[in-house]
Amino acid sequence: MKLPDHWDWKAPDYEWVYTQRAERLRYLREHPEILHRLHEHYAQNPVDWINDWGMTFDPRLAETGQRTVMPFILFPRQEEYVNWVVERWRKREDGIVEKSRDMGVSWLCVAISAWFLTLIPGTVVGMGSRKEEYVDKIGDPKSLFWKLRMYVDMLPAEFQPPKWNPAEHAPHMRCLNHSSKASVVGEAGDIIGRGNRTSIYFIDESAHLERPDLVEASL
């Protein structure tokens, strides 16, 4: 989805985005034969997949009267980050991100994890943080898996794992795609990296790990 020339990042026109998405989804459902080609395109272009269908959440918008759930439209630096992460994965290289607050990196990692889960068969994404409550705590928006469940829930059915049911497919510290055999798994503290092998691993706020050398050795 190409943004219009008048797009204002400080006051984004999300109604325009919703209209565009609704029209495209209607067309897709009227022409289901193109879905497999679209999946093939998105499997090579995660930025397009996020911009076209992704959603995000910011509770701080409530007091302004705005919706707290909104389309996830990436600004250029975020697009660079997504492509950089995927390039690290394809080249089997490590990477570290130094960032300020409110750059959306946690949500970007969640969106990339959902991309693996739904479009890249056989992959296993690892997500870890210093405490389990930051990885997964039911009903707590600060946890990574709360974000991941919400992200997948908000996708059109055409881009979710088949017959997606969070109660069945997203138990504690896991999200599963039984059809493609892809999954996202969580770990916390010193046990990060001790589980099964993964295709890619995200460590949230790695600077705050109590024993980073132990985690690094495990990974």
C-alpha atoms as a PDB file:
ATOM      1  CA  MET A   1       0.000   0.000   0.000  1.00  0.00           C
ATOM      2  CA  LYS A   2       1.535   3.280  -1.138  1.00  0.00           C
ATOM      3  CA  LEU A   3       0.834   6.190   1.167  1.00  0.00           C
ATOM      4  CA  PRO A   4      -0.625   9.335  -0.410  1.00  0.00           C
ATOM      5  CA  ASP A   5       1.629  12.344  -0.952  1.00  0.00           C
ATOM      6  CA  HIS A   6      -0.279  14.322   1.686  1.00  0.00           C
ATOM      7  CA  TRP A   7       0.370  11.737   4.448  1.00  0.00           C
ATOM      8  CA  ASP A   8       1.085  13.453   7.771  1.00  0.00           C
ATOM      9  CA  TRP A   9       3.085  11.321  10.214  1.00  0.00           C
ATOM     10  CA  LYS A  10       2.071  13.567  13.123  1.00  0.00           C
ATOM     11  CA  ALA A  11      -1.639  13.241  12.324  1.00  0.00           C
ATOM     12  CA  PRO A  12      -2.012  10.078  10.228  1.00  0.00           C
ATOM     13  CA  ASP A  13      -5.267   9.562   8.341  1.00  0.00           C
ATOM     14  CA  TYR A  14      -6.119   6.078   9.529  1.00  0.00           C
ATOM     15  CA  GLU A  15      -9.628   6.265   8.079  1.00  0.00           C
ATOM     16  CA  TRP A  16      -8.033   6.368   4.632  1.00  0.00           C
ATOM     17  CA  VAL A  17      -6.010   3.278   5.563  1.00  0.00           C
ATOM     18  CA  TYR A  18      -9.100   1.417   6.797  1.00  0.00           C
ATOM     19  CA  THR A  19     -10.919   2.255   3.552  1.00  0.00           C
ATOM     20  CA  GLN A  20      -8.012   1.024   1.438  1.00  0.00           C
ATOM     21  CA  ARG A  21      -7.719  -2.193   3.437  1.00  0.00           C
ATOM     22  CA  ALA A  22     -11.449  -2.872   3.284  1.00  0.00           C
ATOM     23  CA  GLU A  23     -11.511  -2.421  -0.489  1.00  0.00           C
ATOM     24  CA  ARG A  24      -8.494  -4.683  -0.967  1.00  0.00           C
ATOM     25  CA  LEU A  25      -9.885  -7.343   1.340  1.00  0.00           C
ATOM     26  CA  ARG A  26     -13.221  -7.264  -0.487  1.00  0.00           C
ATOM     27  CA  TYR A  27     -11.428  -7.704  -3.809  1.00  0.00           C
ATOM     28  CA  LEU A  28      -9.322 -10.539  -2.400  1.00  0.00           C
ATOM     29  CA  ARG A  29     -12.401 -12.380  -1.160  1.00  0.00           C
ATOM     30  CA  GLU A  30     -14.070 -11.936  -4.529  1.00  0.00           C
ATOM     31  CA  HIS A  31     -10.941 -13.342  -6.229  1.00  0.00           C
ATOM     32  CA  PRO A  32      -9.555 -15.988  -3.834  1.00  0.00           C
ATOM     33  CA  GLU A  33      -7.459 -17.494  -6.630  1.00  0.00           C
ATOM     34  CA  ILE A  34      -4.897 -14.698  -6.176  1.00  0.00           C
ATOM     35  CA  LEU A  35      -4.328 -15.433  -2.485  1.00  0.00           C
ATOM     36  CA  HIS A  36      -1.463 -17.879  -3.018  1.00  0.00           C
ATOM     37  CA  ARG A  37       0.404 -15.338  -5.165  1.00  0.00           C
ATOM     38  CA  LEU A  38      -0.105 -12.712  -2.494  1.00  0.00           C
ATOM     39  CA  HIS A  39       1.276 -15.103   0.135  1.00  0.00           C
ATOM     40  CA  GLU A  40       4.326 -15.685  -2.058  1.00  0.00           C
ATOM     41  CA  HIS A  41       4.874 -11.935  -2.373  1.00  0.00           C
ATOM     42  CA  TYR A  42       4.503 -11.298   1.351  1.00  0.00           C
ATOM     43  CA  ALA A  43       6.876 -14.166   2.193  1.00  0.00           C
ATOM     44  CA  GLN A  44       9.585 -12.160   0.429  1.00  0.00           C
ATOM     45  CA  ASN A  45       8.385  -8.699   1.499  1.00  0.00           C
ATOM     46  CA  PRO A  46       7.539  -8.469   5.217  1.00  0.00           C
ATOM     47  CA  VAL A  47       7.361  -4.656   5.103  1.00  0.00           C
ATOM     48  CA  ASP A  48       4.488  -4.847   2.611  1.00  0.00           C
ATOM     49  CA  TRP A  49       2.688  -7.431   4.749  1.00  0.00           C
ATOM     50  CA  ILE A  50       2.923  -5.269   7.880  1.00  0.00           C
ATOM     51  CA  ASN A  51       1.888  -2.067   6.113  1.00  0.00           C
ATOM     52  CA  ASP A  52      -1.001  -3.760   4.301  1.00  0.00           C
ATOM     53  CA  TRP A  53      -2.554  -5.655   7.229  1.00  0.00           C
ATOM     54  CA  GLY A  54      -0.722  -5.111  10.536  1.00  0.00           C
ATOM     55  CA  MET A  55      -2.289  -3.480  13.604  1.00  0.00           C
ATOM     56  CA  THR A  56      -0.728  -2.052  16.753  1.00  0.00           C
ATOM     57  CA  PHE A  57      -1.842  -0.702  20.141  1.00  0.00           C
ATOM     58  CA  ASP A  58      -1.109   2.397  22.217  1.00  0.00           C
ATOM     59  CA  PRO A  59      -3.205   2.908  25.385  1.00  0.00           C
ATOM     60  CA  ARG A  60      -1.975   6.511  25.727  1.00  0.00           C
ATOM     61  CA  LEU A  61      -4.314   7.576  22.929  1.00  0.00           C
ATOM     62  CA  ALA A  62      -7.427   6.906  25.016  1.00  0.00           C
ATOM     63  CA  GLU A  63      -7.356  10.253  26.831  1.00  0.00           C
ATOM     64  CA  THR A  64      -7.265  12.094  23.491  1.00  0.00           C
ATOM     65  CA  GLY A  65     -10.417  10.364  22.282  1.00  0.00           C
ATOM     66  CA  GLN A  66      -8.526   8.435  19.613  1.00  0.00           C
ATOM     67  CA  ARG A  67      -8.688   4.709  18.999  1.00  0.00           C
ATOM     68  CA  THR A  68      -6.044   2.802  20.951  1.00  0.00           C
ATOM     69  CA  VAL A  69      -5.819   0.136  18.238  1.00  0.00           C
ATOM     70  CA  MET A  70      -4.653   1.415  14.866  1.00  0.00           C
ATOM     71  CA  PRO A  71      -3.061   0.292  11.581  1.00  0.00           C
ATOM     72  CA  PHE A  72       0.643  -0.416  11.864  1.00  0.00           C
ATOM     73  CA  ILE A  73       2.016   1.897   9.178  1.00  0.00           C
ATOM     74  CA  LEU A  74       5.809   1.844   9.241  1.00  0.00           C
ATOM     75  CA  PHE A  75       7.808   5.017   8.943  1.00  0.00           C
ATOM     76  CA  PRO A  76      10.997   4.715   6.859  1.00  0.00           C
ATOM     77  CA  ARG A  77      13.345   3.942   9.745  1.00  0.00           C
ATOM     78  CA  GLN A  78      11.047   1.148  10.900  1.00  0.00           C
ATOM     79  CA  GLU A  79      11.004  -0.293   7.385  1.00  0.00           C
ATOM     80  CA  GLU A  80      14.798  -0.279   7.458  1.00  0.00           C
ATOM     81  CA  TYR A  81      14.740  -2.152  10.752  1.00  0.00           C
ATOM     82  CA  VAL A  82      12.421  -4.894   9.467  1.00  0.00           C
ATOM     83  CA  ASN A  83      14.567  -5.427   6.372  1.00  0.00           C
ATOM     84  CA  TRP A  84      17.732  -5.364   8.492  1.00  0.00           C
ATOM     85  CA  VAL A  85      16.412  -8.074  10.841  1.00  0.00           C
ATOM     86  CA  VAL A  86      15.328 -10.323   7.979  1.00  0.00           C
ATOM     87  CA  GLU A  87      18.706  -9.818   6.305  1.00  0.00           C
ATOM     88  CA  ARG A  88      20.470 -10.876   9.540  1.00  0.00           C
ATOM     89  CA  TRP A  89      18.319 -14.026   9.577  1.00  0.00           C
ATOM     90  CA  ARG A  90      19.022 -14.890   5.955  1.00  0.00           C
ATOM     91  CA  LYS A  91      22.754 -14.312   6.399  1.00  0.00           C
ATOM     92  CA  ARG A  92      22.814 -16.122   9.782  1.00  0.00           C
ATOM     93  CA  GLU A  93      24.336 -13.084  11.472  1.00  0.00           C
ATOM     94  CA  ASP A  94      23.845 -11.588  14.940  1.00  0.00           C
ATOM     95  CA  GLY A  95      22.643  -8.041  15.452  1.00  0.00           C
ATOM     96  CA  ILE A  96      22.146  -5.543  18.255  1.00  0.00           C
ATOM     97  CA  VAL A  97      19.780  -2.575  18.332  1.00  0.00           C
ATOM     98  CA  GLU A  98      20.426   0.578  20.326  1.00  0.00           C
ATOM     99  CA  LYS A  99      17.254   2.645  20.476  1.00  0.00           C
ATOM    100  CA  SER A 100      15.362   5.371  22.266  1.00  0.00           C
ATOM    101  CA  ARG A 101      11.910   4.918  23.768  1.00  0.00           C
ATOM    102  CA  ASP A 102       8.825   4.923  21.544  1.00  0.00           C
ATOM    103  CA  MET A 103      10.523   3.682  18.394  1.00  0.00           C
ATOM    104  CA  GLY A 104       8.189   0.686  18.293  1.00  0.00           C
ATOM    105  CA  VAL A 105      10.937  -1.935  18.277  1.00  0.00           C
ATOM    106  CA  SER A 106       9.034  -4.387  20.493  1.00  0.00           C
ATOM    107  CA  TRP A 107       6.030  -4.191  18.184  1.00  0.00           C
ATOM    108  CA  LEU A 108       8.300  -4.559  15.158  1.00  0.00           C
ATOM    109  CA  CYS A 109       9.791  -7.731  16.632  1.00  0.00           C
ATOM    110  CA  VAL A 110       6.275  -9.005  17.289  1.00  0.00           C
ATOM    111  CA  ALA A 111       5.216  -8.224  13.699  1.00  0.00           C
ATOM    112  CA  ILE A 112       8.301  -9.977  12.307  1.00  0.00           C
ATOM    113  CA  SER A 113       7.602 -12.980  14.557  1.00  0.00           C
ATOM    114  CA  ALA A 114       4.012 -13.089  13.244  1.00  0.00           C
ATOM    115  CA  TRP A 115       5.391 -12.955   9.694  1.00  0.00           C
ATOM    116  CA  PHE A 116       7.511 -16.035  10.379  1.00  0.00           C
ATOM    117  CA  LEU A 117       4.586 -17.774  12.088  1.00  0.00           C
ATOM    118  CA  THR A 118       2.115 -17.220   9.267  1.00  0.00           C
ATOM    119  CA  LEU A 119       4.243 -17.138   6.103  1.00  0.00           C
ATOM    120  CA  ILE A 120       7.558 -18.957   6.607  1.00  0.00           C
ATOM    121  CA  PRO A 121       6.954 -22.705   7.114  1.00  0.00           C
ATOM    122  CA  GLY A 122       9.028 -24.713   9.553  1.00  0.00           C
ATOM    123  CA  THR A 123      10.557 -21.752  11.370  1.00  0.00           C
ATOM    124  CA  VAL A 124      10.879 -21.384  15.131  1.00  0.00           C
ATOM    125  CA  VAL A 125      11.148 -17.880  16.582  1.00  0.00           C
ATOM    126  CA  GLY A 126      12.502 -17.448  20.104  1.00  0.00           C
ATOM    127  CA  MET A 127      11.544 -14.481  22.278  1.00  0.00           C
ATOM    128  CA  GLY A 128      13.202 -13.830  25.631  1.00  0.00           C
ATOM    129  CA  SER A 129      13.443 -11.219  28.366  1.00  0.00           C
ATOM    130  CA  ARG A 130      14.878 -10.951  31.857  1.00  0.00           C
ATOM    131  CA  LYS A 131      11.566 -11.829  33.557  1.00  0.00           C
ATOM    132  CA  GLU A 132       8.803 -14.192  32.493  1.00  0.00           C
ATOM    133  CA  GLU A 133       6.134 -11.503  32.984  1.00  0.00           C
ATOM    134  CA  TYR A 134       7.766  -9.467  30.219  1.00  0.00           C
ATOM    135  CA  VAL A 135       7.627 -12.447  27.858  1.00  0.00           C
ATOM    136  CA  ASP A 136       4.111 -13.654  28.605  1.00  0.00           C
ATOM    137  CA  LYS A 137       1.497 -12.728  31.165  1.00  0.00           C
ATOM    138  CA  ILE A 138      -2.112 -13.207  30.144  1.00  0.00           C
ATOM    139  CA  GLY A 139      -3.936  -9.880  29.977  1.00  0.00           C
ATOM    140  CA  ASP A 140      -0.793  -7.757  30.396  1.00  0.00           C
ATOM    141  CA  PRO A 141      -0.070  -5.560  27.342  1.00  0.00           C
ATOM    142  CA  LYS A 142       3.584  -5.109  28.327  1.00  0.00           C
ATOM    143  CA  SER A 143       4.317  -8.785  27.636  1.00  0.00           C
ATOM    144  CA  LEU A 144       5.544  -9.776  24.193  1.00  0.00           C
ATOM    145  CA  PHE A 145       3.104 -12.641  23.747  1.00  0.00           C
ATOM    146  CA  TRP A 146       0.130 -10.411  24.616  1.00  0.00           C
ATOM    147  CA  LYS A 147       1.210  -8.226  21.712  1.00  0.00           C
ATOM    148  CA  LEU A 148       1.747 -11.247  19.458  1.00  0.00           C
ATOM    149  CA  ARG A 149      -1.688 -12.721  20.171  1.00  0.00           C
ATOM    150  CA  MET A 150      -3.325  -9.345  19.536  1.00  0.00           C
ATOM    151  CA  TYR A 151      -1.382  -8.869  16.304  1.00  0.00           C
ATOM    152  CA  VAL A 152      -2.422 -12.262  14.905  1.00  0.00           C
ATOM    153  CA  ASP A 153      -6.010 -11.840  16.174  1.00  0.00           C
ATOM    154  CA  MET A 154      -6.333  -8.586  14.220  1.00  0.00           C
ATOM    155  CA  LEU A 155      -5.149 -10.034  10.906  1.00  0.00           C
ATOM    156  CA  PRO A 156      -7.731 -10.977   8.267  1.00  0.00           C
ATOM    157  CA  ALA A 157      -8.478 -14.703   8.394  1.00  0.00           C
ATOM    158  CA  GLU A 158      -6.663 -15.114   5.056  1.00  0.00           C
ATOM    159  CA  PHE A 159      -3.360 -14.285   6.772  1.00  0.00           C
ATOM    160  CA  GLN A 160      -3.826 -16.036  10.100  1.00  0.00           C
ATOM    161  CA  PRO A 161      -2.775 -19.627  10.781  1.00  0.00           C
ATOM    162  CA  PRO A 162      -5.609 -21.887   9.536  1.00  0.00           C
ATOM    163  CA  LYS A 163      -8.550 -22.096  11.966  1.00  0.00           C
ATOM    164  CA  TRP A 164      -6.736 -19.710  14.331  1.00  0.00           C
ATOM    165  CA  ASN A 165      -7.940 -20.066  17.919  1.00  0.00           C
ATOM    166  CA  PRO A 166      -5.769 -18.335  20.554  1.00  0.00           C
ATOM    167  CA  ALA A 167      -6.912 -20.688  23.310  1.00  0.00           C
ATOM    168  CA  GLU A 168      -5.656 -23.655  21.293  1.00  0.00           C
ATOM    169  CA  HIS A 169      -2.834 -22.198  19.227  1.00  0.00           C
ATOM    170  CA  ALA A 170      -1.387 -19.629  21.646  1.00  0.00           C
ATOM    171  CA  PRO A 171      -0.991 -21.189  25.107  1.00  0.00           C
ATOM    172  CA  HIS A 172       1.419 -19.758  27.676  1.00  0.00           C
ATOM    173  CA  MET A 173       4.784 -18.780  26.117  1.00  0.00           C
ATOM    174  CA  ARG A 174       3.900 -20.322  22.737  1.00  0.00           C
ATOM    175  CA  CYS A 175       2.184 -19.532  19.453  1.00  0.00           C
ATOM    176  CA  LEU A 176       1.729 -22.390  17.014  1.00  0.00           C
ATOM    177  CA  ASN A 177       0.853 -22.822  13.357  1.00  0.00           C
ATOM    178  CA  HIS A 178      -0.008 -26.499  13.041  1.00  0.00           C
ATOM    179  CA  SER A 179      -0.405 -26.246   9.276  1.00  0.00           C
ATOM    180  CA  SER A 180       3.056 -24.850   8.459  1.00  0.00           C
ATOM    181  CA  LYS A 181       4.833 -26.298  11.529  1.00  0.00           C
ATOM    182  CA  ALA A 182       6.036 -22.788  12.422  1.00  0.00           C
ATOM    183  CA  SER A 183       6.037 -21.554  16.004  1.00  0.00           C
ATOM    184  CA  VAL A 184       7.059 -18.777  18.367  1.00  0.00           C
ATOM    185  CA  VAL A 185       8.365 -19.817  21.791  1.00  0.00           C
ATOM    186  CA  GLY A 186       9.272 -17.800  24.885  1.00  0.00           C
ATOM    187  CA  GLU A 187      11.946 -18.092  27.584  1.00  0.00           C
ATOM    188  CA  ALA A 188      13.032 -15.876  30.465  1.00  0.00           C
ATOM    189  CA  GLY A 189      16.083 -15.149  32.595  1.00  0.00           C
ATOM    190  CA  ASP A 190      18.981 -17.579  32.685  1.00  0.00           C
ATOM    191  CA  ILE A 191      17.118 -20.251  30.692  1.00  0.00           C
ATOM    192  CA  ILE A 192      17.119 -18.128  27.523  1.00  0.00           C
ATOM    193  CA  GLY A 193      18.693 -20.234  24.801  1.00  0.00           C
ATOM    194  CA  ARG A 194      18.399 -23.502  26.741  1.00  0.00           C
ATOM    195  CA  GLY A 195      15.369 -24.752  24.798  1.00  0.00           C
ATOM    196  CA  ASN A 196      15.174 -26.214  21.320  1.00  0.00           C
ATOM    197  CA  ARG A 197      17.019 -24.662  18.408  1.00  0.00           C
ATOM    198  CA  THR A 198      15.420 -21.637  16.788  1.00  0.00           C
ATOM    199  CA  SER A 199      15.540 -19.963  13.391  1.00  0.00           C
ATOM    200  CA  ILE A 200      15.913 -16.515  14.950  1.00  0.00           C
ATOM    201  CA  TYR A 201      15.933 -15.230  18.524  1.00  0.00           C
ATOM    202  CA  PHE A 202      14.830 -11.848  19.891  1.00  0.00           C
ATOM    203  CA  ILE A 203      16.070 -10.771  23.321  1.00  0.00           C
ATOM    204  CA  ASP A 204      14.130  -7.851  24.767  1.00  0.00           C
ATOM    205  CA  GLU A 205      16.198  -5.311  26.735  1.00  0.00           C
ATOM    206  CA  SER A 206      19.270  -7.527  26.759  1.00  0.00           C
ATOM    207  CA  ALA A 207      21.246  -4.868  28.634  1.00  0.00           C
ATOM    208  CA  HIS A 208      19.180  -5.674  31.743  1.00  0.00           C
ATOM    209  CA  LEU A 209      19.825  -9.425  31.823  1.00  0.00           C
ATOM    210  CA  GLU A 210      21.370 -10.441  35.149  1.00  0.00           C
ATOM    211  CA  ARG A 211      23.839 -12.896  33.605  1.00  0.00           C
ATOM    212  CA  PRO A 212      24.176 -11.964  29.917  1.00  0.00           C
ATOM    213  CA  ASP A 213      27.315 -14.082  29.423  1.00  0.00           C
ATOM    214  CA  LEU A 214      25.369 -17.204  30.417  1.00  0.00           C
ATOM    215  CA  VAL A 215      22.569 -16.364  27.985  1.00  0.00           C
ATOM    216  CA  GLU A 216      25.034 -15.570  25.204  1.00  0.00           C
ATOM    217  CA  ALA A 217      26.780 -18.902  25.693  1.00  0.00           C
ATOM    218  CA  SER A 218      23.463 -20.764  25.563  1.00  0.00           C
ATOM    219  CA  LEU A 219      22.348 -19.010  22.410  1.00  0.00           C
END
